[in-house]
Amino acid sequence: MKRRETISVKVLAVVCMSFFLIVGMWGCGDSGKVSELQGKIAELEKQLATKDQPAPAAATAGSTLNAVRTKGFIQAGVNGDLFGFGKPDEKGVWRGLDVDTARAIAAAVFGDADKVRYTPLTAKTRFTALQSGEIDVLTRNCTQTLSRDTALGLDFAQVNYYDGQGFLIPKKLGVKSAKELDGASVCVLPGTTTELNVADFFRANGMQMKPVVIENTAELAKAFFAGRCDCLTSDASQLAGIRAVASNPKDYIILPEIISKEPLAPAVRHGDNQWKDIVSYSVWALIAAEEMGITSQNVDAMRTSSDPKIKRFLGASPGNGKALGLSENWAYNIVKQVGNYGEIFARNVGVDTPLGIERGLNALWTNGGLMYAPPFK
């Protein structure tokens, strides 16, 4: 933007100087020179109008899909330190709900869920990595907000986890409600909606707090467990993940208050509608499969179904793949290799994992939750 403004100022200055020359020449009767300068002014004005037009979008239709196909893998930005969502296990294998979201996209694009490479990102670096092209998609417990949607040059795809902000405290603190935290020191990640939400909550309830700001999730958790702050605030799912890796998880509780709405969704660069469609429909495919009762275990048998919805979804009836620029087996590959949404929720964050999270808002709409996929036709 600054370069366009500089060019415009220079052109405007030439126009002004030319105007005064015309006036002088007109007075001297040199009509030939006047006509020549008038033509130059018209050309300069045309340049001025052109240079001040808005810059084109950074991404063009199909550019990300073409790029990932050329290099043979998807570069996904993930948390790296959040158990249940994005973190390598003891063998170095990446696991988590956000990791499985990236794997679903790879299965859709390549027919191979393992064609993903992961870039661990902090809350501060995640958007820059996407904007710069360092990553192809951000699947990192990231909240969709109006300002992020409009000002950062990115688009959010379909939500893959509905969350809300809470507070994690040691049981020995003896606090039963977040409204009893007046004067508490609070561990919080900077540059997040969390930081703004907690400030609003304390202010709205006439309370004071002492923020302890640390950029890295793992270091923030260490500070909390070391007693550097009275409580830790973040998305409730993140608090569950942090508590799960404590030396004694039962020494910590999550307070009952949820103080915000946090729709967590993958993000892509603004302007590449095809790539956004692929990312969104990869998430929706996970949800739709659960709606239709299709799992990683029965998906092969379901391919022989006579139900037209299932036939379209699994590619037995063609059309959906072509519409997205993918193989007709794209949704089948997602379910076969990654599972449906219920499966990835259960194995990463569900009640039988150390996080022990109930489906809640992340249940299907038919079970009182918010998970709902559009028709695949």
Protein backbone atom coordinates (compact mmCIF):
# COMPACT_ATOMS: atom_id res chain seq x y z
CA MET A 1 0.00 0.00 0.00
CA LYS A 2 2.83 2.40 0.85
CA ARG A 3 4.46 1.88 -2.57
CA ARG A 4 1.22 2.75 -4.41
CA GLU A 5 0.83 5.90 -2.30
CA THR A 6 4.42 6.97 -3.10
CA ILE A 7 3.86 6.51 -6.84
CA SER A 8 0.57 8.42 -6.66
CA VAL A 9 2.18 11.39 -4.91
CA LYS A 10 4.93 11.57 -7.54
CA VAL A 11 2.44 11.46 -10.41
CA LEU A 12 0.28 14.12 -8.75
CA ALA A 13 3.32 16.38 -8.31
CA VAL A 14 4.14 16.11 -12.05
CA VAL A 15 0.52 16.95 -12.93
CA CYS A 16 0.62 20.07 -10.74
CA MET A 17 3.93 21.26 -12.22
CA SER A 18 2.61 20.69 -15.73
CA PHE A 19 -0.48 22.75 -14.94
CA PHE A 20 1.62 25.79 -14.05
CA LEU A 21 3.72 25.37 -17.21
CA ILE A 22 0.55 25.27 -19.31
CA VAL A 23 -0.68 28.46 -17.73
CA GLY A 24 2.66 30.15 -18.48
CA MET A 25 2.82 28.91 -22.07
CA TRP A 26 -0.79 29.83 -22.73
CA GLY A 27 0.04 33.35 -21.79
CA CYS A 28 2.95 33.30 -24.25
CA GLY A 29 0.72 31.95 -27.05
CA ASP A 30 2.61 28.65 -27.50
CA SER A 31 -0.51 26.52 -28.29
CA GLY A 32 1.53 23.57 -29.71
CA LYS A 33 3.41 23.07 -26.47
CA VAL A 34 0.17 23.44 -24.55
CA SER A 35 -1.48 20.62 -26.52
CA GLU A 36 1.56 18.38 -26.02
CA LEU A 37 1.58 18.95 -22.27
CA GLN A 38 -2.18 18.42 -22.03
CA GLY A 39 -1.72 14.98 -23.60
CA LYS A 40 1.00 14.13 -21.09
CA ILE A 41 -1.20 15.22 -18.21
CA ALA A 42 -4.02 12.97 -19.45
CA GLU A 43 -1.60 10.01 -19.56
CA LEU A 44 -0.29 10.80 -16.05
CA GLU A 45 -3.84 11.04 -14.71
CA LYS A 46 -4.56 7.61 -16.21
CA GLN A 47 -1.48 6.20 -14.42
CA LEU A 48 -2.61 7.80 -11.18
CA ALA A 49 -6.03 6.12 -11.40
CA THR A 50 -4.48 2.75 -12.23
CA LYS A 51 -1.90 2.81 -9.45
CA ASP A 52 -4.54 3.59 -6.84
CA GLN A 53 -6.63 0.51 -7.61
CA PRO A 54 -6.73 -2.13 -4.81
CA ALA A 55 -4.02 -4.79 -5.01
CA PRO A 56 -5.20 -8.22 -6.25
CA ALA A 57 -5.80 -11.01 -3.74
CA ALA A 58 -2.67 -12.91 -2.71
CA ALA A 59 -4.13 -16.29 -3.66
CA THR A 60 -5.73 -17.26 -6.97
CA ALA A 61 -8.25 -20.02 -7.58
CA GLY A 62 -6.59 -23.42 -7.46
CA SER A 63 -3.14 -22.07 -6.61
CA THR A 64 -2.80 -23.90 -3.26
CA LEU A 65 -4.11 -27.20 -4.62
CA ASN A 66 -1.68 -27.02 -7.54
CA ALA A 67 1.20 -26.16 -5.20
CA VAL A 68 0.58 -29.04 -2.79
CA ARG A 69 0.19 -31.49 -5.65
CA THR A 70 3.48 -30.33 -7.13
CA LYS A 71 5.42 -30.81 -3.88
CA GLY A 72 3.52 -34.00 -2.97
CA PHE A 73 2.39 -33.13 0.56
CA ILE A 74 0.41 -30.63 2.65
CA GLN A 75 2.29 -28.39 5.08
CA ALA A 76 0.01 -27.99 8.10
CA GLY A 77 0.50 -25.52 10.93
CA VAL A 78 -0.30 -27.15 14.28
CA ASN A 79 0.10 -26.46 17.99
CA GLY A 80 2.89 -28.89 18.73
CA ASP A 81 2.42 -28.82 22.52
CA LEU A 82 -1.28 -29.55 23.02
CA PHE A 83 -2.11 -33.10 24.06
CA GLY A 84 -5.26 -34.37 22.31
CA PHE A 85 -5.11 -31.77 19.52
CA GLY A 86 -1.60 -31.46 18.14
CA LYS A 87 1.46 -33.09 19.68
CA PRO A 88 3.92 -35.88 18.81
CA ASP A 89 3.64 -39.01 20.96
CA GLU A 90 6.57 -40.76 22.66
CA LYS A 91 7.51 -42.33 19.29
CA GLY A 92 7.43 -39.00 17.48
CA VAL A 93 4.14 -39.72 15.69
CA TRP A 94 1.91 -36.67 15.42
CA ARG A 95 -1.49 -37.17 17.05
CA GLY A 96 -4.57 -35.12 17.91
CA LEU A 97 -7.90 -33.91 16.63
CA ASP A 98 -6.29 -31.06 14.66
CA VAL A 99 -3.67 -33.46 13.30
CA ASP A 100 -6.43 -35.80 12.12
CA THR A 101 -8.13 -32.84 10.46
CA ALA A 102 -4.96 -32.22 8.44
CA ARG A 103 -4.74 -35.95 7.67
CA ALA A 104 -8.33 -35.87 6.37
CA ILE A 105 -7.40 -33.07 3.95
CA ALA A 106 -4.39 -35.07 2.74
CA ALA A 107 -6.57 -38.16 2.25
CA ALA A 108 -8.98 -36.07 0.16
CA VAL A 109 -6.23 -34.55 -2.00
CA PHE A 110 -3.77 -37.43 -2.38
CA GLY A 111 -5.69 -40.53 -1.30
CA ASP A 112 -3.02 -40.83 1.40
CA ALA A 113 -3.60 -39.38 4.88
CA ASP A 114 0.12 -39.54 5.67
CA LYS A 115 1.13 -36.99 3.05
CA VAL A 116 1.28 -34.21 5.63
CA ARG A 117 4.20 -32.40 7.22
CA TYR A 118 3.68 -30.48 10.43
CA THR A 119 4.96 -27.06 11.47
CA PRO A 120 4.61 -26.36 15.22
CA LEU A 121 3.46 -22.77 15.72
CA THR A 122 2.85 -20.50 18.69
CA ALA A 123 -0.22 -18.29 19.01
CA LYS A 124 1.97 -15.37 17.96
CA THR A 125 3.47 -16.96 14.81
CA ARG A 126 0.52 -18.98 13.48
CA PHE A 127 -1.08 -16.29 11.28
CA THR A 128 2.21 -15.02 9.87
CA ALA A 129 3.13 -18.55 8.82
CA LEU A 130 -0.12 -18.85 6.87
CA GLN A 131 0.06 -15.37 5.35
CA SER A 132 3.64 -15.88 4.16
CA GLY A 133 2.93 -19.26 2.52
CA GLU A 134 5.11 -21.18 4.97
CA ILE A 135 2.11 -23.48 5.54
CA ASP A 136 -0.82 -24.46 3.32
CA VAL A 137 -3.43 -24.75 6.07
CA LEU A 138 -3.60 -23.83 9.75
CA THR A 139 -5.12 -26.59 11.89
CA ARG A 140 -4.19 -25.26 15.31
CA ASN A 141 -7.06 -24.76 17.83
CA CYS A 142 -7.67 -21.31 16.33
CA THR A 143 -10.80 -19.25 17.09
CA GLN A 144 -12.73 -17.70 14.23
CA THR A 145 -13.46 -14.02 14.90
CA LEU A 146 -14.68 -11.10 12.80
CA SER A 147 -11.40 -9.18 13.00
CA ARG A 148 -9.33 -12.22 12.03
CA ASP A 149 -11.69 -13.01 9.16
CA THR A 150 -11.50 -9.48 7.75
CA ALA A 151 -8.09 -8.04 8.59
CA LEU A 152 -5.54 -10.85 8.38
CA GLY A 153 -5.85 -11.98 4.77
CA LEU A 154 -7.23 -15.40 5.68
CA ASP A 155 -10.48 -17.35 5.62
CA PHE A 156 -11.80 -19.82 8.16
CA ALA A 157 -13.13 -23.15 6.99
CA GLN A 158 -15.73 -25.32 8.76
CA VAL A 159 -15.43 -25.47 12.56
CA ASN A 160 -13.87 -28.74 13.76
CA TYR A 161 -14.33 -28.10 17.50
CA TYR A 162 -16.70 -25.83 19.45
CA ASP A 163 -15.06 -24.63 22.64
CA GLY A 164 -15.22 -21.97 25.36
CA GLN A 165 -12.72 -20.35 27.71
CA GLY A 166 -12.35 -21.53 31.29
CA PHE A 167 -9.99 -21.57 34.28
CA LEU A 168 -7.69 -24.30 35.59
CA ILE A 169 -6.66 -24.10 39.25
CA PRO A 170 -4.95 -26.27 41.87
CA LYS A 171 -7.52 -27.87 44.17
CA LYS A 172 -5.58 -26.58 47.17
CA LEU A 173 -6.46 -23.01 46.16
CA GLY A 174 -9.91 -23.73 47.60
CA VAL A 175 -11.80 -21.76 44.95
CA LYS A 176 -15.16 -22.98 43.63
CA SER A 177 -15.97 -20.21 41.14
CA ALA A 178 -14.02 -17.94 38.79
CA LYS A 179 -15.73 -15.01 40.50
CA GLU A 180 -13.62 -15.78 43.59
CA LEU A 181 -10.36 -15.05 41.73
CA ASP A 182 -10.11 -11.34 42.62
CA GLY A 183 -6.43 -10.42 42.90
CA ALA A 184 -5.24 -13.72 41.42
CA SER A 185 -2.22 -14.09 39.18
CA VAL A 186 -3.36 -15.56 35.86
CA CYS A 187 -1.20 -17.44 33.34
CA VAL A 188 -2.31 -16.58 29.78
CA LEU A 189 -1.00 -16.80 26.22
CA PRO A 190 -0.38 -13.41 24.55
CA GLY A 191 -1.89 -12.38 21.21
CA THR A 192 -4.97 -14.55 21.68
CA THR A 193 -8.70 -14.08 22.16
CA THR A 194 -8.03 -15.66 25.58
CA GLU A 195 -6.00 -12.64 26.71
CA LEU A 196 -8.80 -10.23 25.75
CA ASN A 197 -11.58 -12.40 27.18
CA VAL A 198 -10.01 -12.77 30.63
CA ALA A 199 -9.38 -9.03 30.87
CA ASP A 200 -13.04 -8.39 29.99
CA PHE A 201 -14.25 -10.98 32.51
CA PHE A 202 -12.30 -9.52 35.42
CA ARG A 203 -13.27 -5.97 34.48
CA ALA A 204 -16.97 -6.83 34.09
CA ASN A 205 -16.98 -8.46 37.55
CA GLY A 206 -15.13 -5.61 39.27
CA MET A 207 -12.07 -7.77 39.96
CA GLN A 208 -8.33 -7.26 39.65
CA MET A 209 -5.83 -9.72 38.16
CA LYS A 210 -2.09 -10.02 37.69
CA PRO A 211 -1.39 -11.43 34.22
CA VAL A 212 1.56 -13.78 33.75
CA VAL A 213 2.14 -13.76 29.99
CA ILE A 214 4.19 -16.51 28.34
CA GLU A 215 4.11 -17.14 24.58
CA ASN A 216 4.68 -20.91 24.42
CA THR A 217 1.94 -23.33 25.55
CA ALA A 218 4.37 -25.82 27.11
CA GLU A 219 6.27 -23.11 28.99
CA LEU A 220 3.00 -21.58 30.17
CA ALA A 221 1.92 -24.94 31.59
CA LYS A 222 5.29 -25.35 33.31
CA ALA A 223 4.91 -21.93 34.91
CA PHE A 224 1.45 -22.85 36.18
CA PHE A 225 2.53 -26.21 37.60
CA ALA A 226 5.54 -24.51 39.22
CA GLY A 227 3.20 -22.15 41.10
CA ARG A 228 4.10 -18.96 39.25
CA CYS A 229 0.41 -18.16 38.88
CA ASP A 230 -2.77 -19.00 40.79
CA CYS A 231 -4.71 -20.13 37.74
CA LEU A 232 -4.33 -20.77 34.04
CA THR A 233 -6.96 -19.59 31.55
CA SER A 234 -7.49 -20.93 28.04
CA ASP A 235 -10.01 -22.87 25.98
CA ALA A 236 -11.54 -25.60 28.14
CA SER A 237 -10.23 -28.28 25.76
CA GLN A 238 -6.71 -26.89 26.12
CA LEU A 239 -7.05 -26.85 29.90
CA ALA A 240 -8.08 -30.50 29.81
CA GLY A 241 -5.02 -31.29 27.68
CA ILE A 242 -2.71 -29.43 30.06
CA ARG A 243 -4.21 -31.11 33.12
CA ALA A 244 -3.85 -34.52 31.47
CA VAL A 245 -0.05 -34.18 31.33
CA ALA A 246 0.32 -33.02 34.96
CA SER A 247 2.27 -35.31 37.31
CA ASN A 248 -0.98 -35.78 39.26
CA PRO A 249 -4.00 -34.58 37.22
CA LYS A 250 -6.38 -35.07 40.17
CA ASP A 251 -4.67 -32.18 41.98
CA TYR A 252 -6.22 -29.74 39.49
CA ILE A 253 -9.78 -28.77 38.59
CA ILE A 254 -11.42 -26.76 35.83
CA LEU A 255 -13.85 -24.21 37.28
CA PRO A 256 -17.48 -24.37 36.07
CA GLU A 257 -17.62 -20.97 34.34
CA ILE A 258 -17.22 -20.81 30.57
CA ILE A 259 -16.69 -17.14 29.72
CA SER A 260 -16.62 -17.10 25.91
CA LYS A 261 -17.55 -18.76 22.63
CA GLU A 262 -14.55 -20.27 20.83
CA PRO A 263 -15.42 -21.84 17.45
CA LEU A 264 -12.11 -23.47 16.50
CA ALA A 265 -11.60 -23.94 12.77
CA PRO A 266 -8.90 -24.56 10.16
CA ALA A 267 -7.79 -21.43 8.30
CA VAL A 268 -6.52 -20.84 4.76
CA ARG A 269 -5.30 -17.82 2.81
CA HIS A 270 -7.98 -15.46 1.53
CA GLY A 271 -8.83 -15.61 -2.16
CA ASP A 272 -8.39 -19.30 -2.99
CA ASN A 273 -11.99 -20.49 -2.90
CA GLN A 274 -11.24 -23.96 -4.24
CA TRP A 275 -8.78 -24.70 -1.44
CA LYS A 276 -11.18 -23.36 1.17
CA ASP A 277 -13.92 -25.62 -0.25
CA ILE A 278 -11.61 -28.65 -0.06
CA VAL A 279 -10.67 -27.92 3.57
CA SER A 280 -14.28 -27.25 4.62
CA TYR A 281 -15.70 -30.31 2.88
CA SER A 282 -12.96 -32.50 4.35
CA VAL A 283 -14.25 -31.51 7.81
CA TRP A 284 -17.87 -31.88 6.69
CA ALA A 285 -17.07 -35.33 5.29
CA LEU A 286 -16.01 -36.44 8.78
CA ILE A 287 -19.32 -35.15 10.16
CA ALA A 288 -21.49 -36.48 7.32
CA ALA A 289 -19.97 -39.94 7.65
CA GLU A 290 -20.98 -40.05 11.31
CA GLU A 291 -24.47 -38.82 10.40
CA MET A 292 -24.86 -41.66 7.91
CA GLY A 293 -23.36 -44.30 10.21
CA ILE A 294 -20.28 -44.80 8.02
CA THR A 295 -17.12 -45.70 9.93
CA SER A 296 -13.57 -46.70 9.07
CA GLN A 297 -14.61 -50.29 9.84
CA ASN A 298 -17.73 -50.54 7.65
CA VAL A 299 -16.94 -48.07 4.85
CA ASP A 300 -16.06 -50.81 2.34
CA ALA A 301 -19.36 -52.57 2.91
CA MET A 302 -21.22 -49.25 2.72
CA ARG A 303 -19.88 -48.66 -0.81
CA THR A 304 -22.37 -51.28 -2.02
CA SER A 305 -25.31 -49.46 -0.39
CA SER A 306 -28.34 -48.69 -2.55
CA ASP A 307 -28.94 -45.43 -0.65
CA PRO A 308 -28.34 -42.61 -3.19
CA LYS A 309 -26.95 -40.29 -0.49
CA ILE A 310 -24.33 -42.83 0.54
CA LYS A 311 -23.49 -43.66 -3.09
CA ARG A 312 -22.88 -39.98 -3.88
CA PHE A 313 -20.91 -39.48 -0.67
CA LEU A 314 -18.57 -42.42 -1.24
CA GLY A 315 -18.13 -41.75 -4.96
CA ALA A 316 -20.08 -44.71 -6.33
CA SER A 317 -22.23 -42.09 -8.06
CA PRO A 318 -19.78 -39.56 -9.57
CA GLY A 319 -19.92 -35.76 -9.39
CA ASN A 320 -18.76 -34.55 -6.00
CA GLY A 321 -15.10 -35.25 -6.67
CA LYS A 322 -15.12 -33.42 -9.99
CA ALA A 323 -16.84 -30.43 -8.38
CA LEU A 324 -13.96 -30.08 -5.90
CA GLY A 325 -11.20 -30.95 -8.37
CA LEU A 326 -10.51 -34.22 -6.55
CA SER A 327 -10.85 -37.97 -7.11
CA GLU A 328 -14.39 -39.31 -6.78
CA ASN A 329 -13.08 -41.46 -3.90
CA TRP A 330 -11.99 -38.44 -1.83
CA ALA A 331 -14.60 -38.87 0.94
CA TYR A 332 -14.17 -42.66 0.98
CA ASN A 333 -10.42 -42.14 1.48
CA ILE A 334 -11.03 -39.80 4.42
CA VAL A 335 -13.30 -42.24 6.25
CA LYS A 336 -11.23 -45.33 5.41
CA GLN A 337 -7.93 -43.81 6.56
CA VAL A 338 -8.97 -41.31 9.26
CA GLY A 339 -12.48 -42.29 10.37
CA ASN A 340 -15.60 -40.24 10.93
CA TYR A 341 -15.85 -37.27 13.31
CA GLY A 342 -17.06 -39.43 16.20
CA GLU A 343 -14.08 -41.73 15.78
CA ILE A 344 -11.46 -38.98 15.76
CA PHE A 345 -13.14 -37.24 18.73
CA ALA A 346 -13.24 -40.46 20.76
CA ARG A 347 -9.61 -41.47 20.18
CA ASN A 348 -8.10 -38.03 20.73
CA VAL A 349 -10.13 -36.19 23.38
CA GLY A 350 -13.14 -38.35 24.34
CA VAL A 351 -14.28 -39.77 27.66
CA ASP A 352 -11.98 -42.79 27.39
CA THR A 353 -8.85 -40.65 26.92
CA PRO A 354 -6.89 -38.83 29.64
CA LEU A 355 -8.75 -35.63 28.66
CA GLY A 356 -12.16 -37.23 29.34
CA ILE A 357 -14.17 -34.68 27.34
CA GLU A 358 -17.88 -35.27 26.73
CA ARG A 359 -19.21 -34.59 23.23
CA GLY A 360 -21.37 -31.67 24.40
CA LEU A 361 -21.56 -28.99 21.69
CA ASN A 362 -19.49 -31.24 19.46
CA ALA A 363 -22.16 -33.93 19.29
CA LEU A 364 -24.15 -34.34 16.09
CA TRP A 365 -27.12 -32.02 15.69
CA THR A 366 -29.35 -35.09 16.03
CA ASN A 367 -27.93 -35.56 19.54
CA GLY A 368 -28.26 -31.97 20.72
CA GLY A 369 -24.88 -30.73 19.44
CA LEU A 370 -23.78 -28.29 16.75
CA MET A 371 -22.12 -30.68 14.30
CA TYR A 372 -24.08 -30.55 11.06
CA ALA A 373 -22.97 -31.20 7.47
CA PRO A 374 -24.60 -29.78 4.32
CA PRO A 375 -25.99 -32.17 1.67
CA PHE A 376 -23.34 -33.84 -0.48
CA LYS A 377 -25.02 -33.37 -3.84
